[in-house]
Amino acid sequence: MNQHNGWLLEGQIERNQQALEMLKPHQEPTLYGANGQTSTTHRGGKKISI
């Protein structure tokens, strides 16, 4: 049973890797930083809303 589950997991990991490889060229690396915050900071300190 463990071996069967391992095979299933290997197949799923391979499909996930293929999906990620397809999506990587379309990512926007400047959207969020490693800390989860937006990487573009507004230095003025003022927020304008309309």
PDB file of N, CA and C in Angstrom:
ATOM      1  N   MET A   1       0.832  -1.193   0.000  1.00  0.00           N
ATOM      2  CA  MET A   1       0.000   0.000   0.000  1.00  0.00           C
ATOM      3  C   MET A   1       0.880   1.261   0.000  1.00  0.00           C
ATOM      4  N   ASN A   2       1.928   1.278   0.819  1.00  0.00           N
ATOM      5  CA  ASN A   2       2.812   2.444   0.842  1.00  0.00           C
ATOM      6  C   ASN A   2       3.480   2.656  -0.503  1.00  0.00           C
ATOM      7  N   GLN A   3       3.865   1.569  -1.150  1.00  0.00           N
ATOM      8  CA  GLN A   3       4.514   1.684  -2.452  1.00  0.00           C
ATOM      9  C   GLN A   3       3.537   2.263  -3.478  1.00  0.00           C
ATOM     10  N   HIS A   4       2.300   1.806  -3.431  1.00  0.00           N
ATOM     11  CA  HIS A   4       1.274   2.319  -4.343  1.00  0.00           C
ATOM     12  C   HIS A   4       1.063   3.817  -4.112  1.00  0.00           C
ATOM     13  N   ASN A   5       0.965   4.216  -2.843  1.00  0.00           N
ATOM     14  CA  ASN A   5       0.804   5.639  -2.528  1.00  0.00           C
ATOM     15  C   ASN A   5       2.006   6.441  -3.011  1.00  0.00           C
ATOM     16  N   GLY A   6       3.192   5.869  -2.886  1.00  0.00           N
ATOM     17  CA  GLY A   6       4.399   6.531  -3.379  1.00  0.00           C
ATOM     18  C   GLY A   6       4.337   6.763  -4.874  1.00  0.00           C
ATOM     19  N   TRP A   7       3.872   5.771  -5.618  1.00  0.00           N
ATOM     20  CA  TRP A   7       3.730   5.923  -7.074  1.00  0.00           C
ATOM     21  C   TRP A   7       2.729   7.027  -7.413  1.00  0.00           C
ATOM     22  N   LEU A   8       1.617   7.040  -6.678  1.00  0.00           N
ATOM     23  CA  LEU A   8       0.611   8.078  -6.911  1.00  0.00           C
ATOM     24  C   LEU A   8       1.183   9.470  -6.629  1.00  0.00           C
ATOM     25  N   LEU A   9       1.932   9.574  -5.531  1.00  0.00           N
ATOM     26  CA  LEU A   9       2.539  10.860  -5.188  1.00  0.00           C
ATOM     27  C   LEU A   9       3.567  11.289  -6.225  1.00  0.00           C
ATOM     28  N   GLU A  10       4.362  10.369  -6.707  1.00  0.00           N
ATOM     29  CA  GLU A  10       5.352  10.695  -7.734  1.00  0.00           C
ATOM     30  C   GLU A  10       4.679  11.245  -8.985  1.00  0.00           C
ATOM     31  N   GLY A  11       3.568  10.624  -9.377  1.00  0.00           N
ATOM     32  CA  GLY A  11       2.830  11.105 -10.546  1.00  0.00           C
ATOM     33  C   GLY A  11       2.274  12.500 -10.327  1.00  0.00           C
ATOM     34  N   GLN A  12       1.745  12.735  -9.132  1.00  0.00           N
ATOM     35  CA  GLN A  12       1.181  14.057  -8.830  1.00  0.00           C
ATOM     36  C   GLN A  12       2.278  15.113  -8.764  1.00  0.00           C
ATOM     37  N   ILE A  13       3.406  14.770  -8.183  1.00  0.00           N
ATOM     38  CA  ILE A  13       4.529  15.710  -8.117  1.00  0.00           C
ATOM     39  C   ILE A  13       4.996  16.074  -9.518  1.00  0.00           C
ATOM     40  N   GLU A  14       5.078  15.096 -10.394  1.00  0.00           N
ATOM     41  CA  GLU A  14       5.509  15.348 -11.772  1.00  0.00           C
ATOM     42  C   GLU A  14       4.526  16.277 -12.485  1.00  0.00           C
ATOM     43  N   ARG A  15       3.224  16.044 -12.312  1.00  0.00           N
ATOM     44  CA  ARG A  15       2.221  16.913 -12.938  1.00  0.00           C
ATOM     45  C   ARG A  15       2.295  18.335 -12.375  1.00  0.00           C
ATOM     46  N   ASN A  16       2.514  18.448 -11.070  1.00  0.00           N
ATOM     47  CA  ASN A  16       2.640  19.774 -10.459  1.00  0.00           C
ATOM     48  C   ASN A  16       3.866  20.508 -10.989  1.00  0.00           C
ATOM     49  N   GLN A  17       4.981  19.800 -11.135  1.00  0.00           N
ATOM     50  CA  GLN A  17       6.194  20.419 -11.662  1.00  0.00           C
ATOM     51  C   GLN A  17       5.981  20.891 -13.096  1.00  0.00           C
ATOM     52  N   GLN A  18       5.288  20.101 -13.894  1.00  0.00           N
ATOM     53  CA  GLN A  18       5.010  20.500 -15.274  1.00  0.00           C
ATOM     54  C   GLN A  18       4.125  21.746 -15.307  1.00  0.00           C
ATOM     55  N   ALA A  19       3.128  21.780 -14.433  1.00  0.00           N
ATOM     56  CA  ALA A  19       2.239  22.942 -14.382  1.00  0.00           C
ATOM     57  C   ALA A  19       3.007  24.191 -13.956  1.00  0.00           C
ATOM     58  N   LEU A  20       3.886  24.053 -12.964  1.00  0.00           N
ATOM     59  CA  LEU A  20       4.678  25.194 -12.518  1.00  0.00           C
ATOM     60  C   LEU A  20       5.615  25.689 -13.606  1.00  0.00           C
ATOM     61  N   GLU A  21       6.221  24.774 -14.336  1.00  0.00           N
ATOM     62  CA  GLU A  21       7.116  25.164 -15.424  1.00  0.00           C
ATOM     63  C   GLU A  21       6.357  25.931 -16.507  1.00  0.00           C
ATOM     64  N   MET A  22       5.112  25.556 -16.733  1.00  0.00           N
ATOM     65  CA  MET A  22       4.305  26.250 -17.724  1.00  0.00           C
ATOM     66  C   MET A  22       3.929  27.653 -17.231  1.00  0.00           C
ATOM     67  N   LEU A  23       3.697  27.796 -15.931  1.00  0.00           N
ATOM     68  CA  LEU A  23       3.263  29.072 -15.373  1.00  0.00           C
ATOM     69  C   LEU A  23       4.408  30.041 -15.100  1.00  0.00           C
ATOM     70  N   LYS A  24       5.610  29.546 -14.877  1.00  0.00           N
ATOM     71  CA  LYS A  24       6.740  30.403 -14.502  1.00  0.00           C
ATOM     72  C   LYS A  24       6.980  31.577 -15.441  1.00  0.00           C
ATOM     73  N   PRO A  25       6.922  31.401 -16.757  1.00  0.00           N
ATOM     74  CA  PRO A  25       7.175  32.561 -17.635  1.00  0.00           C
ATOM     75  C   PRO A  25       6.134  33.668 -17.481  1.00  0.00           C
ATOM     76  N   HIS A  26       4.992  33.364 -16.884  1.00  0.00           N
ATOM     77  CA  HIS A  26       3.902  34.328 -16.780  1.00  0.00           C
ATOM     78  C   HIS A  26       3.811  34.980 -15.409  1.00  0.00           C
ATOM     79  N   GLN A  27       4.726  34.648 -14.509  1.00  0.00           N
ATOM     80  CA  GLN A  27       4.652  35.215 -13.166  1.00  0.00           C
ATOM     81  C   GLN A  27       5.124  36.659 -13.145  1.00  0.00           C
ATOM     82  N   GLU A  28       4.679  37.385 -12.162  1.00  0.00           N
ATOM     83  CA  GLU A  28       5.095  38.769 -11.975  1.00  0.00           C
ATOM     84  C   GLU A  28       5.938  38.820 -10.707  1.00  0.00           C
ATOM     85  N   PRO A  29       7.249  38.722 -10.837  1.00  0.00           N
ATOM     86  CA  PRO A  29       8.102  38.612  -9.650  1.00  0.00           C
ATOM     87  C   PRO A  29       8.099  39.846  -8.763  1.00  0.00           C
ATOM     88  N   THR A  30       7.684  40.987  -9.263  1.00  0.00           N
ATOM     89  CA  THR A  30       7.705  42.196  -8.450  1.00  0.00           C
ATOM     90  C   THR A  30       6.399  42.433  -7.713  1.00  0.00           C
ATOM     91  N   LEU A  31       5.450  41.526  -7.810  1.00  0.00           N
ATOM     92  CA  LEU A  31       4.158  41.743  -7.171  1.00  0.00           C
ATOM     93  C   LEU A  31       4.270  41.706  -5.649  1.00  0.00           C
ATOM     94  N   TYR A  32       4.871  40.658  -5.085  1.00  0.00           N
ATOM     95  CA  TYR A  32       5.041  40.525  -3.644  1.00  0.00           C
ATOM     96  C   TYR A  32       6.469  40.119  -3.329  1.00  0.00           C
ATOM     97  N   GLY A  33       6.979  40.615  -2.229  1.00  0.00           N
ATOM     98  CA  GLY A  33       8.308  40.246  -1.780  1.00  0.00           C
ATOM     99  C   GLY A  33       8.262  38.967  -0.960  1.00  0.00           C
ATOM    100  N   ALA A  34       9.410  38.535  -0.467  1.00  0.00           N
ATOM    101  CA  ALA A  34       9.506  37.306   0.318  1.00  0.00           C
ATOM    102  C   ALA A  34       8.722  37.395   1.620  1.00  0.00           C
ATOM    103  N   ASN A  35       8.503  38.611   2.114  1.00  0.00           N
ATOM    104  CA  ASN A  35       7.767  38.783   3.366  1.00  0.00           C
ATOM    105  C   ASN A  35       6.255  38.849   3.163  1.00  0.00           C
ATOM    106  N   GLY A  36       5.791  38.703   1.928  1.00  0.00           N
ATOM    107  CA  GLY A  36       4.362  38.725   1.647  1.00  0.00           C
ATOM    108  C   GLY A  36       3.798  40.116   1.406  1.00  0.00           C
ATOM    109  N   GLN A  37       4.619  41.131   1.548  1.00  0.00           N
ATOM    110  CA  GLN A  37       4.191  42.505   1.322  1.00  0.00           C
ATOM    111  C   GLN A  37       4.483  42.896  -0.119  1.00  0.00           C
ATOM    112  N   THR A  38       3.773  43.893  -0.600  1.00  0.00           N
ATOM    113  CA  THR A  38       4.059  44.367  -1.956  1.00  0.00           C
ATOM    114  C   THR A  38       5.481  44.892  -1.989  1.00  0.00           C
ATOM    115  N   SER A  39       6.181  44.574  -3.041  1.00  0.00           N
ATOM    116  CA  SER A  39       7.596  44.936  -3.106  1.00  0.00           C
ATOM    117  C   SER A  39       7.810  46.373  -3.544  1.00  0.00           C
ATOM    118  N   THR A  40       6.806  46.978  -4.143  1.00  0.00           N
ATOM    119  CA  THR A  40       6.941  48.388  -4.523  1.00  0.00           C
ATOM    120  C   THR A  40       6.429  49.232  -3.365  1.00  0.00           C
ATOM    121  N   THR A  41       7.303  49.999  -2.788  1.00  0.00           N
ATOM    122  CA  THR A  41       6.911  50.835  -1.653  1.00  0.00           C
ATOM    123  C   THR A  41       6.660  52.252  -2.125  1.00  0.00           C
ATOM    124  N   HIS A  42       5.719  52.888  -1.489  1.00  0.00           N
ATOM    125  CA  HIS A  42       5.396  54.273  -1.791  1.00  0.00           C
ATOM    126  C   HIS A  42       6.095  55.130  -0.747  1.00  0.00           C
ATOM    127  N   ARG A  43       7.068  55.888  -1.165  1.00  0.00           N
ATOM    128  CA  ARG A  43       7.902  56.655  -0.244  1.00  0.00           C
ATOM    129  C   ARG A  43       7.203  57.905   0.292  1.00  0.00           C
ATOM    130  N   GLY A  44       6.181  58.379  -0.381  1.00  0.00           N
ATOM    131  CA  GLY A  44       5.547  59.621   0.035  1.00  0.00           C
ATOM    132  C   GLY A  44       4.766  59.510   1.328  1.00  0.00           C
ATOM    133  N   GLY A  45       4.285  58.353   1.643  1.00  0.00           N
ATOM    134  CA  GLY A  45       3.534  58.167   2.865  1.00  0.00           C
ATOM    135  C   GLY A  45       2.079  58.586   2.760  1.00  0.00           C
ATOM    136  N   LYS A  46       1.666  59.095   1.631  1.00  0.00           N
ATOM    137  CA  LYS A  46       0.286  59.522   1.438  1.00  0.00           C
ATOM    138  C   LYS A  46      -0.414  58.559   0.495  1.00  0.00           C
ATOM    139  N   LYS A  47      -1.614  58.194   0.891  1.00  0.00           N
ATOM    140  CA  LYS A  47      -2.431  57.355   0.021  1.00  0.00           C
ATOM    141  C   LYS A  47      -3.538  58.221  -0.552  1.00  0.00           C
ATOM    142  N   ILE A  48      -3.744  58.107  -1.827  1.00  0.00           N
ATOM    143  CA  ILE A  48      -4.775  58.891  -2.496  1.00  0.00           C
ATOM    144  C   ILE A  48      -5.854  57.942  -2.987  1.00  0.00           C
ATOM    145  N   SER A  49      -7.084  58.228  -2.627  1.00  0.00           N
ATOM    146  CA  SER A  49      -8.193  57.427  -3.135  1.00  0.00           C
ATOM    147  C   SER A  49      -9.220  58.353  -3.755  1.00  0.00           C
ATOM    148  N   ILE A  50      -9.836  57.858  -4.781  1.00  0.00           N
ATOM    149  CA  ILE A  50     -10.838  58.657  -5.493  1.00  0.00           C
ATOM    150  C   ILE A  50     -12.169  57.945  -5.414  1.00  0.00           C
TER     151      ILE A  50
END
